Amino acid sequence: MADVAKSASLAERLLAGEKRALARAITLIESDDPAGWELVRELYPRTGKARIIGFTGPPGVGKSTLIGALTGELRKAEREVAVLSIDPSSPFTRGALLGDRIRLTDHFLDPGVFIRSMASRGALGGLSEAALQVALIMDAAGKDDVLIETVGVGQAEIDIVDHADTIVLALMPGSGDSIQALKAGVMEIPDVIVVNKADHPMTDTMVREVRGVLALSQDPEGWKVPILRTEAARGEGVEELAAQIDAHRKFIEQAGTLAERRARNLRSEVLGIATSRMRRRLEQAVSEDPATAELLDRVVRRELDPATAAGELLEKHVDG
């Protein structure tokens, strides 16, 4: 009963917008504490109000600086902002997580801004699961905008930002990584494209390349993905970015696609969590079962093929 009362108290403080309560709630979720999942269960009916904005793009393009500048722009409109930075580094190494987040440090003392980094520690499936729950908690805490930043454009990062209402892809001119991102099909993801560090001499070339790729894939009846030029370190072009995020939000609300997108994302999240938990249970069962160890040894000895072994594994530990 004491745990339930403690959870209710934490929920009340979080709903009241208390920063320490939000920080505590996130710690519970990150550490896979049952109290964290109970909190999400309790607060879930109070979610769905915040705009979830995902930022992705190759490392080094200045996403953190861009988010910091955008946060300042949103605060001018008196919007409450939460920033969730997904990083593969240790959460205890300030340099790895916040070394390039100079612009974000401007907001640390702002009561209307909450900033949190989450480390993957190599467990990307679990990270996706926890990050999405943290975004829900930030939403419940009364934030108007939840900005999710990832460190790259790999599949794990895409899975996370794909749960956003609006996705911003940041690119940098003269970067081979950026061109690879275009070729890898990442262009199917964004709602807004930002070419940052736009004083680079290759900016015009990149904008032309991006526009060419978009021309091949855009729906004539759908949202026209804008290509913006920014100098985030100087705050240039950030006001236009905020305006395009607003415009995209209005477009998907009026078209009815916001509700569709959220429904699709929530269904995907349920399946993702179930898959992640099933895998953990299966791995645990496998490690404790001598018969399963022998089954895997038969695969190693090439007496049994992997697909047949997988079928037997599922039949024993899942179907059975």
C-alpha atoms as a PDB file:
ATOM      1  CA  MET A   1       0.000   0.000   0.000  1.00  0.00           C
ATOM      2  CA  ALA A   2       2.887   2.319   0.755  1.00  0.00           C
ATOM      3  CA  ASP A   3       4.203   1.868  -2.798  1.00  0.00           C
ATOM      4  CA  VAL A   4       0.765   2.702  -4.249  1.00  0.00           C
ATOM      5  CA  ALA A   5       0.496   5.851  -2.109  1.00  0.00           C
ATOM      6  CA  LYS A   6       4.023   6.847  -3.114  1.00  0.00           C
ATOM      7  CA  SER A   7       3.134   6.346  -6.792  1.00  0.00           C
ATOM      8  CA  ALA A   8      -0.051   8.414  -6.442  1.00  0.00           C
ATOM      9  CA  SER A   9       1.893  11.196  -4.742  1.00  0.00           C
ATOM     10  CA  LEU A  10       4.504  11.179  -7.502  1.00  0.00           C
ATOM     11  CA  ALA A  11       1.748  11.232 -10.139  1.00  0.00           C
ATOM     12  CA  GLU A  12       0.072  14.230  -8.508  1.00  0.00           C
ATOM     13  CA  ARG A  13       3.346  16.143  -8.314  1.00  0.00           C
ATOM     14  CA  LEU A  14       4.145  15.279 -11.928  1.00  0.00           C
ATOM     15  CA  LEU A  15       0.710  16.418 -13.132  1.00  0.00           C
ATOM     16  CA  ALA A  16       1.311  19.683 -11.269  1.00  0.00           C
ATOM     17  CA  GLY A  17       4.417  20.207 -13.423  1.00  0.00           C
ATOM     18  CA  GLU A  18       7.052  19.615 -10.741  1.00  0.00           C
ATOM     19  CA  LYS A  19      10.457  19.094 -12.395  1.00  0.00           C
ATOM     20  CA  ARG A  20      11.856  16.837  -9.668  1.00  0.00           C
ATOM     21  CA  ALA A  21       8.823  14.561  -9.921  1.00  0.00           C
ATOM     22  CA  LEU A  22       9.296  14.284 -13.689  1.00  0.00           C
ATOM     23  CA  ALA A  23      13.005  13.508 -13.251  1.00  0.00           C
ATOM     24  CA  ARG A  24      12.190  10.823 -10.663  1.00  0.00           C
ATOM     25  CA  ALA A  25       9.535   9.276 -12.901  1.00  0.00           C
ATOM     26  CA  ILE A  26      11.981   9.040 -15.809  1.00  0.00           C
ATOM     27  CA  THR A  27      14.597   7.391 -13.588  1.00  0.00           C
ATOM     28  CA  LEU A  28      12.046   4.736 -12.559  1.00  0.00           C
ATOM     29  CA  ILE A  29      11.217   4.022 -16.217  1.00  0.00           C
ATOM     30  CA  GLU A  30      14.879   3.925 -17.289  1.00  0.00           C
ATOM     31  CA  SER A  31      15.723   1.437 -14.539  1.00  0.00           C
ATOM     32  CA  ASP A  32      12.741  -0.779 -15.487  1.00  0.00           C
ATOM     33  CA  ASP A  33      11.278  -0.317 -12.006  1.00  0.00           C
ATOM     34  CA  PRO A  34       7.705  -1.695 -11.740  1.00  0.00           C
ATOM     35  CA  ALA A  35       6.725   1.600 -10.080  1.00  0.00           C
ATOM     36  CA  GLY A  36       7.633   3.377 -13.321  1.00  0.00           C
ATOM     37  CA  TRP A  37       5.338   1.175 -15.401  1.00  0.00           C
ATOM     38  CA  GLU A  38       2.558   1.611 -12.820  1.00  0.00           C
ATOM     39  CA  LEU A  39       3.006   5.382 -13.111  1.00  0.00           C
ATOM     40  CA  VAL A  40       2.702   5.257 -16.905  1.00  0.00           C
ATOM     41  CA  ARG A  41      -0.430   3.119 -16.532  1.00  0.00           C
ATOM     42  CA  GLU A  42      -1.944   5.678 -14.159  1.00  0.00           C
ATOM     43  CA  LEU A  43      -1.044   8.736 -16.235  1.00  0.00           C
ATOM     44  CA  TYR A  44      -1.709   7.383 -19.733  1.00  0.00           C
ATOM     45  CA  PRO A  45      -5.305   8.736 -19.900  1.00  0.00           C
ATOM     46  CA  ARG A  46      -3.844  12.201 -19.313  1.00  0.00           C
ATOM     47  CA  THR A  47      -1.567  12.041 -22.383  1.00  0.00           C
ATOM     48  CA  GLY A  48      -2.103  12.987 -26.023  1.00  0.00           C
ATOM     49  CA  LYS A  49      -2.026  16.769 -25.670  1.00  0.00           C
ATOM     50  CA  ALA A  50       1.648  17.515 -26.399  1.00  0.00           C
ATOM     51  CA  ARG A  51       3.168  17.886 -29.859  1.00  0.00           C
ATOM     52  CA  ILE A  52       5.831  15.177 -30.252  1.00  0.00           C
ATOM     53  CA  ILE A  53       8.572  16.434 -32.588  1.00  0.00           C
ATOM     54  CA  GLY A  54      11.363  14.050 -33.596  1.00  0.00           C
ATOM     55  CA  PHE A  55      14.783  15.210 -34.814  1.00  0.00           C
ATOM     56  CA  THR A  56      17.058  12.846 -36.700  1.00  0.00           C
ATOM     57  CA  GLY A  57      20.031  13.109 -39.032  1.00  0.00           C
ATOM     58  CA  PRO A  58      23.713  12.109 -39.202  1.00  0.00           C
ATOM     59  CA  PRO A  59      25.980  12.961 -36.251  1.00  0.00           C
ATOM     60  CA  GLY A  60      27.655  16.359 -36.430  1.00  0.00           C
ATOM     61  CA  VAL A  61      24.929  18.242 -38.297  1.00  0.00           C
ATOM     62  CA  GLY A  62      24.103  20.367 -35.258  1.00  0.00           C
ATOM     63  CA  LYS A  63      20.827  18.808 -34.103  1.00  0.00           C
ATOM     64  CA  SER A  64      21.451  19.781 -30.482  1.00  0.00           C
ATOM     65  CA  THR A  65      22.191  23.387 -31.411  1.00  0.00           C
ATOM     66  CA  LEU A  66      19.120  23.420 -33.660  1.00  0.00           C
ATOM     67  CA  ILE A  67      16.928  22.045 -30.862  1.00  0.00           C
ATOM     68  CA  GLY A  68      18.350  24.583 -28.418  1.00  0.00           C
ATOM     69  CA  ALA A  69      17.569  27.451 -30.788  1.00  0.00           C
ATOM     70  CA  LEU A  70      14.086  26.069 -31.500  1.00  0.00           C
ATOM     71  CA  THR A  71      13.451  25.722 -27.754  1.00  0.00           C
ATOM     72  CA  GLY A  72      14.222  29.430 -27.390  1.00  0.00           C
ATOM     73  CA  GLU A  73      11.776  30.218 -30.196  1.00  0.00           C
ATOM     74  CA  LEU A  74       9.041  28.098 -28.610  1.00  0.00           C
ATOM     75  CA  ARG A  75       9.621  29.724 -25.233  1.00  0.00           C
ATOM     76  CA  LYS A  76       9.015  33.151 -26.813  1.00  0.00           C
ATOM     77  CA  ALA A  77       5.490  31.863 -27.450  1.00  0.00           C
ATOM     78  CA  GLU A  78       5.359  30.766 -23.773  1.00  0.00           C
ATOM     79  CA  ARG A  79       5.157  27.094 -24.681  1.00  0.00           C
ATOM     80  CA  GLU A  80       6.353  24.511 -22.131  1.00  0.00           C
ATOM     81  CA  VAL A  81       9.125  22.401 -23.680  1.00  0.00           C
ATOM     82  CA  ALA A  82      10.695  19.011 -22.842  1.00  0.00           C
ATOM     83  CA  VAL A  83      13.787  17.736 -24.659  1.00  0.00           C
ATOM     84  CA  LEU A  84      14.672  14.027 -24.710  1.00  0.00           C
ATOM     85  CA  SER A  85      18.124  13.310 -26.160  1.00  0.00           C
ATOM     86  CA  ILE A  86      18.791   9.683 -27.081  1.00  0.00           C
ATOM     87  CA  ASP A  87      22.523   8.951 -26.885  1.00  0.00           C
ATOM     88  CA  PRO A  88      24.546   5.718 -27.129  1.00  0.00           C
ATOM     89  CA  SER A  89      26.983   6.936 -24.455  1.00  0.00           C
ATOM     90  CA  SER A  90      27.128   6.499 -20.714  1.00  0.00           C
ATOM     91  CA  PRO A  91      24.607   8.678 -18.862  1.00  0.00           C
ATOM     92  CA  PHE A  92      27.356   9.578 -16.388  1.00  0.00           C
ATOM     93  CA  THR A  93      29.766  11.044 -18.948  1.00  0.00           C
ATOM     94  CA  ARG A  94      28.746  14.662 -19.282  1.00  0.00           C
ATOM     95  CA  GLY A  95      31.148  15.286 -22.154  1.00  0.00           C
ATOM     96  CA  ALA A  96      29.675  12.524 -24.292  1.00  0.00           C
ATOM     97  CA  LEU A  97      26.078  13.541 -23.691  1.00  0.00           C
ATOM     98  CA  LEU A  98      26.124  17.298 -23.341  1.00  0.00           C
ATOM     99  CA  GLY A  99      29.464  18.426 -24.745  1.00  0.00           C
ATOM    100  CA  ASP A 100      27.941  19.705 -27.994  1.00  0.00           C
ATOM    101  CA  ARG A 101      24.708  20.912 -26.421  1.00  0.00           C
ATOM    102  CA  ILE A 102      25.918  24.445 -25.752  1.00  0.00           C
ATOM    103  CA  ARG A 103      22.635  25.977 -26.836  1.00  0.00           C
ATOM    104  CA  LEU A 104      20.669  23.621 -24.611  1.00  0.00           C
ATOM    105  CA  THR A 105      22.616  24.737 -21.549  1.00  0.00           C
ATOM    106  CA  ASP A 106      21.061  28.177 -22.043  1.00  0.00           C
ATOM    107  CA  HIS A 107      17.752  26.642 -20.954  1.00  0.00           C
ATOM    108  CA  PHE A 108      18.791  24.560 -17.939  1.00  0.00           C
ATOM    109  CA  LEU A 109      17.548  27.162 -15.453  1.00  0.00           C
ATOM    110  CA  ASP A 110      14.360  27.970 -17.366  1.00  0.00           C
ATOM    111  CA  PRO A 111      11.408  26.559 -15.359  1.00  0.00           C
ATOM    112  CA  GLY A 112       9.485  26.114 -18.627  1.00  0.00           C
ATOM    113  CA  VAL A 113      12.111  23.756 -20.098  1.00  0.00           C
ATOM    114  CA  PHE A 114      12.974  20.194 -19.035  1.00  0.00           C
ATOM    115  CA  ILE A 115      16.017  18.470 -20.594  1.00  0.00           C
ATOM    116  CA  ARG A 116      16.936  14.807 -20.203  1.00  0.00           C
ATOM    117  CA  SER A 117      19.463  12.526 -21.897  1.00  0.00           C
ATOM    118  CA  MET A 118      18.954   8.775 -22.104  1.00  0.00           C
ATOM    119  CA  ALA A 119      21.742   6.333 -22.845  1.00  0.00           C
ATOM    120  CA  SER A 120      21.175   3.149 -24.834  1.00  0.00           C
ATOM    121  CA  ARG A 121      23.967   1.124 -23.168  1.00  0.00           C
ATOM    122  CA  GLY A 122      23.758  -1.062 -26.261  1.00  0.00           C
ATOM    123  CA  ALA A 123      20.179  -2.198 -25.631  1.00  0.00           C
ATOM    124  CA  LEU A 124      18.422  -0.497 -28.508  1.00  0.00           C
ATOM    125  CA  GLY A 125      15.203  -2.507 -28.273  1.00  0.00           C
ATOM    126  CA  GLY A 126      14.882  -1.671 -24.601  1.00  0.00           C
ATOM    127  CA  LEU A 127      15.875   1.915 -25.262  1.00  0.00           C
ATOM    128  CA  SER A 128      13.053   2.379 -27.757  1.00  0.00           C
ATOM    129  CA  GLU A 129      10.608   0.935 -25.251  1.00  0.00           C
ATOM    130  CA  ALA A 130      11.780   3.206 -22.405  1.00  0.00           C
ATOM    131  CA  ALA A 131      12.121   6.326 -24.561  1.00  0.00           C
ATOM    132  CA  LEU A 132       8.543   6.129 -25.758  1.00  0.00           C
ATOM    133  CA  GLN A 133       7.286   5.757 -22.179  1.00  0.00           C
ATOM    134  CA  VAL A 134       9.367   8.771 -21.133  1.00  0.00           C
ATOM    135  CA  ALA A 135       7.804  10.842 -23.923  1.00  0.00           C
ATOM    136  CA  LEU A 136       4.364   9.899 -22.554  1.00  0.00           C
ATOM    137  CA  ILE A 137       5.375  11.007 -19.051  1.00  0.00           C
ATOM    138  CA  MET A 138       6.651  14.345 -20.398  1.00  0.00           C
ATOM    139  CA  ASP A 139       3.316  14.773 -22.177  1.00  0.00           C
ATOM    140  CA  ALA A 140       1.402  14.022 -18.956  1.00  0.00           C
ATOM    141  CA  ALA A 141       3.538  16.567 -17.094  1.00  0.00           C
ATOM    142  CA  GLY A 142       1.905  19.325 -19.127  1.00  0.00           C
ATOM    143  CA  LYS A 143       4.598  20.004 -21.720  1.00  0.00           C
ATOM    144  CA  ASP A 144       3.273  21.602 -24.896  1.00  0.00           C
ATOM    145  CA  ASP A 145       6.152  20.306 -27.009  1.00  0.00           C
ATOM    146  CA  VAL A 146       8.275  17.173 -26.525  1.00  0.00           C
ATOM    147  CA  LEU A 147      11.399  17.281 -28.715  1.00  0.00           C
ATOM    148  CA  ILE A 148      13.081  13.891 -29.232  1.00  0.00           C
ATOM    149  CA  GLU A 149      16.670  13.971 -30.523  1.00  0.00           C
ATOM    150  CA  THR A 150      18.544  10.915 -31.798  1.00  0.00           C
ATOM    151  CA  VAL A 151      22.233  10.615 -32.604  1.00  0.00           C
ATOM    152  CA  GLY A 152      21.954   9.161 -36.092  1.00  0.00           C
ATOM    153  CA  VAL A 153      19.777   7.728 -38.829  1.00  0.00           C
ATOM    154  CA  GLY A 154      20.084   4.013 -38.100  1.00  0.00           C
ATOM    155  CA  GLN A 155      17.019   1.783 -37.844  1.00  0.00           C
ATOM    156  CA  ALA A 156      16.831   2.050 -34.044  1.00  0.00           C
ATOM    157  CA  GLU A 157      16.777   5.849 -34.160  1.00  0.00           C
ATOM    158  CA  ILE A 158      14.181   5.808 -36.924  1.00  0.00           C
ATOM    159  CA  ASP A 159      11.963   3.515 -34.854  1.00  0.00           C
ATOM    160  CA  ILE A 160      11.990   6.084 -32.058  1.00  0.00           C
ATOM    161  CA  VAL A 161      11.355   9.254 -34.047  1.00  0.00           C
ATOM    162  CA  ASP A 162       8.769   7.449 -36.158  1.00  0.00           C
ATOM    163  CA  HIS A 163       6.494   7.838 -33.140  1.00  0.00           C
ATOM    164  CA  ALA A 164       6.576  11.613 -33.475  1.00  0.00           C
ATOM    165  CA  ASP A 165       3.762  13.777 -34.857  1.00  0.00           C
ATOM    166  CA  THR A 166       6.274  15.789 -36.877  1.00  0.00           C
ATOM    167  CA  ILE A 167       9.723  14.544 -37.927  1.00  0.00           C
ATOM    168  CA  VAL A 168      12.571  16.927 -38.739  1.00  0.00           C
ATOM    169  CA  LEU A 169      15.554  15.596 -40.712  1.00  0.00           C
ATOM    170  CA  ALA A 170      18.695  17.701 -40.258  1.00  0.00           C
ATOM    171  CA  LEU A 171      21.395  17.519 -42.937  1.00  0.00           C
ATOM    172  CA  MET A 172      24.710  19.279 -43.427  1.00  0.00           C
ATOM    173  CA  PRO A 173      26.157  20.390 -46.776  1.00  0.00           C
ATOM    174  CA  GLY A 174      29.403  18.795 -47.892  1.00  0.00           C
ATOM    175  CA  SER A 175      28.801  15.713 -45.762  1.00  0.00           C
ATOM    176  CA  GLY A 176      29.072  12.242 -47.273  1.00  0.00           C
ATOM    177  CA  ASP A 177      26.891  10.970 -44.425  1.00  0.00           C
ATOM    178  CA  SER A 178      24.093  13.278 -45.518  1.00  0.00           C
ATOM    179  CA  ILE A 179      24.196  11.999 -49.093  1.00  0.00           C
ATOM    180  CA  GLN A 180      24.187   8.409 -47.817  1.00  0.00           C
ATOM    181  CA  ALA A 181      21.127   9.267 -45.720  1.00  0.00           C
ATOM    182  CA  LEU A 182      19.358  10.363 -48.900  1.00  0.00           C
ATOM    183  CA  LYS A 183      20.288   7.165 -50.717  1.00  0.00           C
ATOM    184  CA  ALA A 184      19.314   4.948 -47.786  1.00  0.00           C
ATOM    185  CA  GLY A 185      15.657   5.882 -48.078  1.00  0.00           C
ATOM    186  CA  VAL A 186      15.598   8.119 -45.003  1.00  0.00           C
ATOM    187  CA  MET A 187      13.895  10.724 -47.182  1.00  0.00           C
ATOM    188  CA  GLU A 188      10.647   8.776 -46.769  1.00  0.00           C
ATOM    189  CA  ILE A 189      10.583   9.726 -43.090  1.00  0.00           C
ATOM    190  CA  PRO A 190      10.740  13.519 -42.618  1.00  0.00           C
ATOM    191  CA  ASP A 191       8.002  16.143 -42.616  1.00  0.00           C
ATOM    192  CA  VAL A 192      10.503  19.018 -42.548  1.00  0.00           C
ATOM    193  CA  ILE A 193      14.073  18.987 -43.880  1.00  0.00           C
ATOM    194  CA  VAL A 194      16.664  21.377 -42.484  1.00  0.00           C
ATOM    195  CA  VAL A 195      20.010  22.041 -44.153  1.00  0.00           C
ATOM    196  CA  ASN A 196      21.991  23.384 -41.207  1.00  0.00           C
ATOM    197  CA  LYS A 197      25.325  25.246 -41.326  1.00  0.00           C
ATOM    198  CA  ALA A 198      23.952  26.797 -44.507  1.00  0.00           C
ATOM    199  CA  ASP A 199      26.865  29.208 -44.997  1.00  0.00           C
ATOM    200  CA  HIS A 200      28.764  26.254 -46.506  1.00  0.00           C
ATOM    201  CA  PRO A 201      29.577  26.642 -50.234  1.00  0.00           C
ATOM    202  CA  MET A 202      27.943  23.269 -51.012  1.00  0.00           C
ATOM    203  CA  THR A 203      24.550  24.307 -49.597  1.00  0.00           C
ATOM    204  CA  ASP A 204      22.931  25.069 -52.963  1.00  0.00           C
ATOM    205  CA  THR A 205      24.104  21.711 -54.330  1.00  0.00           C
ATOM    206  CA  MET A 206      22.663  19.841 -51.390  1.00  0.00           C
ATOM    207  CA  VAL A 207      19.322  21.647 -51.602  1.00  0.00           C
ATOM    208  CA  ARG A 208      19.077  20.713 -55.301  1.00  0.00           C
ATOM    209  CA  GLU A 209      19.899  17.053 -54.532  1.00  0.00           C
ATOM    210  CA  VAL A 210      17.322  16.898 -51.745  1.00  0.00           C
ATOM    211  CA  ARG A 211      14.672  18.538 -53.922  1.00  0.00           C
ATOM    212  CA  GLY A 212      15.413  16.007 -56.676  1.00  0.00           C
ATOM    213  CA  VAL A 213      14.930  13.048 -54.325  1.00  0.00           C
ATOM    214  CA  LEU A 214      11.710  14.548 -52.923  1.00  0.00           C
ATOM    215  CA  ALA A 215      10.316  15.043 -56.420  1.00  0.00           C
ATOM    216  CA  LEU A 216      10.500  11.272 -56.958  1.00  0.00           C
ATOM    217  CA  SER A 217       8.687  10.304 -53.781  1.00  0.00           C
ATOM    218  CA  GLN A 218       6.220  13.037 -52.789  1.00  0.00           C
ATOM    219  CA  ASP A 219       2.461  12.569 -52.962  1.00  0.00           C
ATOM    220  CA  PRO A 220       1.041  15.454 -55.038  1.00  0.00           C
ATOM    221  CA  GLU A 221      -1.998  15.598 -52.741  1.00  0.00           C
ATOM    222  CA  GLY A 222      -0.023  15.334 -49.514  1.00  0.00           C
ATOM    223  CA  TRP A 223       2.112  17.598 -47.387  1.00  0.00           C
ATOM    224  CA  LYS A 224       4.840  19.394 -49.364  1.00  0.00           C
ATOM    225  CA  VAL A 225       8.015  18.805 -47.382  1.00  0.00           C
ATOM    226  CA  PRO A 226       9.804  22.166 -46.986  1.00  0.00           C
ATOM    227  CA  ILE A 227      13.594  22.402 -47.299  1.00  0.00           C
ATOM    228  CA  LEU A 228      14.880  25.056 -44.903  1.00  0.00           C
ATOM    229  CA  ARG A 229      18.302  26.618 -44.538  1.00  0.00           C
ATOM    230  CA  THR A 230      19.471  27.384 -41.022  1.00  0.00           C
ATOM    231  CA  GLU A 231      22.457  28.681 -39.110  1.00  0.00           C
ATOM    232  CA  ALA A 232      21.343  27.318 -35.757  1.00  0.00           C
ATOM    233  CA  ALA A 233      24.384  28.619 -33.869  1.00  0.00           C
ATOM    234  CA  ARG A 234      23.322  32.155 -34.819  1.00  0.00           C
ATOM    235  CA  GLY A 235      19.597  31.465 -34.632  1.00  0.00           C
ATOM    236  CA  GLU A 236      19.104  32.117 -38.343  1.00  0.00           C
ATOM    237  CA  GLY A 237      16.195  30.307 -40.003  1.00  0.00           C
ATOM    238  CA  VAL A 238      14.897  28.938 -36.689  1.00  0.00           C
ATOM    239  CA  GLU A 239      11.797  31.136 -36.688  1.00  0.00           C
ATOM    240  CA  GLU A 240      10.886  29.647 -40.092  1.00  0.00           C
ATOM    241  CA  LEU A 241      11.462  26.142 -38.702  1.00  0.00           C
ATOM    242  CA  ALA A 242       9.000  26.832 -35.864  1.00  0.00           C
ATOM    243  CA  ALA A 243       6.512  28.182 -38.403  1.00  0.00           C
ATOM    244  CA  GLN A 244       6.814  25.083 -40.624  1.00  0.00           C
ATOM    245  CA  ILE A 245       6.327  22.777 -37.624  1.00  0.00           C
ATOM    246  CA  ASP A 246       3.145  24.742 -36.827  1.00  0.00           C
ATOM    247  CA  ALA A 247       2.049  24.525 -40.471  1.00  0.00           C
ATOM    248  CA  HIS A 248       2.618  20.760 -40.593  1.00  0.00           C
ATOM    249  CA  ARG A 249       0.632  20.286 -37.406  1.00  0.00           C
ATOM    250  CA  LYS A 250      -2.313  22.247 -38.819  1.00  0.00           C
ATOM    251  CA  PHE A 251      -2.134  20.321 -42.103  1.00  0.00           C
ATOM    252  CA  ILE A 252      -2.271  16.858 -40.496  1.00  0.00           C
ATOM    253  CA  GLU A 253      -5.010  17.945 -38.078  1.00  0.00           C
ATOM    254  CA  GLN A 254      -7.177  19.267 -40.906  1.00  0.00           C
ATOM    255  CA  ALA A 255      -6.456  16.235 -43.124  1.00  0.00           C
ATOM    256  CA  GLY A 256      -7.260  13.845 -40.282  1.00  0.00           C
ATOM    257  CA  THR A 257      -3.868  12.196 -40.605  1.00  0.00           C
ATOM    258  CA  LEU A 258      -2.695  13.180 -37.098  1.00  0.00           C
ATOM    259  CA  ALA A 259      -5.206  10.761 -35.561  1.00  0.00           C
ATOM    260  CA  GLU A 260      -4.267   8.101 -38.138  1.00  0.00           C
ATOM    261  CA  ARG A 261      -0.556   8.558 -37.490  1.00  0.00           C
ATOM    262  CA  ARG A 262      -0.983   8.349 -33.728  1.00  0.00           C
ATOM    263  CA  ALA A 263      -3.195   5.267 -34.011  1.00  0.00           C
ATOM    264  CA  ARG A 264      -0.606   3.553 -36.219  1.00  0.00           C
ATOM    265  CA  ASN A 265       2.239   4.552 -33.891  1.00  0.00           C
ATOM    266  CA  LEU A 266       0.430   3.336 -30.766  1.00  0.00           C
ATOM    267  CA  ARG A 267      -0.386  -0.025 -32.364  1.00  0.00           C
ATOM    268  CA  SER A 268       3.248  -0.312 -33.400  1.00  0.00           C
ATOM    269  CA  GLU A 269       4.344   0.559 -29.865  1.00  0.00           C
ATOM    270  CA  VAL A 270       2.165  -2.160 -28.330  1.00  0.00           C
ATOM    271  CA  LEU A 271       3.606  -4.762 -30.728  1.00  0.00           C
ATOM    272  CA  GLY A 272       7.135  -3.436 -30.145  1.00  0.00           C
ATOM    273  CA  ILE A 273       6.875  -3.726 -26.364  1.00  0.00           C
ATOM    274  CA  ALA A 274       5.323  -7.197 -26.645  1.00  0.00           C
ATOM    275  CA  THR A 275       8.108  -8.317 -29.013  1.00  0.00           C
ATOM    276  CA  SER A 276      10.829  -6.919 -26.744  1.00  0.00           C
ATOM    277  CA  ARG A 277       9.387  -8.623 -23.666  1.00  0.00           C
ATOM    278  CA  MET A 278       8.812 -11.907 -25.487  1.00  0.00           C
ATOM    279  CA  ARG A 279      12.439 -11.925 -26.635  1.00  0.00           C
ATOM    280  CA  ARG A 280      13.667 -11.337 -23.074  1.00  0.00           C
ATOM    281  CA  ARG A 281      11.481 -14.151 -21.755  1.00  0.00           C
ATOM    282  CA  LEU A 282      12.605 -16.465 -24.540  1.00  0.00           C
ATOM    283  CA  GLU A 283      16.293 -15.704 -23.873  1.00  0.00           C
ATOM    284  CA  GLN A 284      15.777 -16.391 -20.173  1.00  0.00           C
ATOM    285  CA  ALA A 285      13.989 -19.683 -20.890  1.00  0.00           C
ATOM    286  CA  VAL A 286      16.725 -20.702 -23.329  1.00  0.00           C
ATOM    287  CA  SER A 287      19.501 -20.001 -20.817  1.00  0.00           C
ATOM    288  CA  GLU A 288      17.808 -22.150 -18.171  1.00  0.00           C
ATOM    289  CA  ASP A 289      16.810 -25.138 -20.343  1.00  0.00           C
ATOM    290  CA  PRO A 290      19.413 -27.858 -21.088  1.00  0.00           C
ATOM    291  CA  ALA A 291      17.239 -29.270 -23.895  1.00  0.00           C
ATOM    292  CA  THR A 292      17.301 -25.918 -25.667  1.00  0.00           C
ATOM    293  CA  ALA A 293      21.079 -25.712 -25.285  1.00  0.00           C
ATOM    294  CA  GLU A 294      21.317 -29.126 -26.967  1.00  0.00           C
ATOM    295  CA  LEU A 295      18.988 -27.909 -29.734  1.00  0.00           C
ATOM    296  CA  LEU A 296      21.309 -24.965 -30.427  1.00  0.00           C
ATOM    297  CA  ASP A 297      24.345 -27.263 -30.334  1.00  0.00           C
ATOM    298  CA  ARG A 298      22.717 -29.386 -33.046  1.00  0.00           C
ATOM    299  CA  VAL A 299      22.520 -26.251 -35.215  1.00  0.00           C
ATOM    300  CA  VAL A 300      26.218 -25.570 -34.571  1.00  0.00           C
ATOM    301  CA  ARG A 301      27.042 -29.168 -35.550  1.00  0.00           C
ATOM    302  CA  ARG A 302      24.940 -28.636 -38.715  1.00  0.00           C
ATOM    303  CA  GLU A 303      22.599 -31.463 -37.821  1.00  0.00           C
ATOM    304  CA  LEU A 304      19.616 -29.079 -37.759  1.00  0.00           C
ATOM    305  CA  ASP A 305      18.991 -25.935 -39.783  1.00  0.00           C
ATOM    306  CA  PRO A 306      18.326 -22.581 -37.970  1.00  0.00           C
ATOM    307  CA  ALA A 307      14.736 -22.142 -39.227  1.00  0.00           C
ATOM    308  CA  THR A 308      13.656 -25.600 -38.043  1.00  0.00           C
ATOM    309  CA  ALA A 309      15.377 -24.996 -34.688  1.00  0.00           C
ATOM    310  CA  ALA A 310      13.569 -21.665 -34.318  1.00  0.00           C
ATOM    311  CA  GLY A 311      10.253 -23.369 -35.039  1.00  0.00           C
ATOM    312  CA  GLU A 312      10.923 -26.001 -32.358  1.00  0.00           C
ATOM    313  CA  LEU A 313      11.966 -23.254 -29.919  1.00  0.00           C
ATOM    314  CA  LEU A 314       8.743 -21.300 -30.431  1.00  0.00           C
ATOM    315  CA  GLU A 315       6.621 -24.446 -30.240  1.00  0.00           C
ATOM    316  CA  LYS A 316       8.157 -25.344 -26.895  1.00  0.00           C
ATOM    317  CA  HIS A 317       8.421 -21.932 -25.174  1.00  0.00           C
ATOM    318  CA  VAL A 318       5.695 -19.848 -26.825  1.00  0.00           C
ATOM    319  CA  ASP A 319       3.074 -22.002 -28.560  1.00  0.00           C
ATOM    320  CA  GLY A 320       3.137 -24.522 -25.785  1.00  0.00           C
END
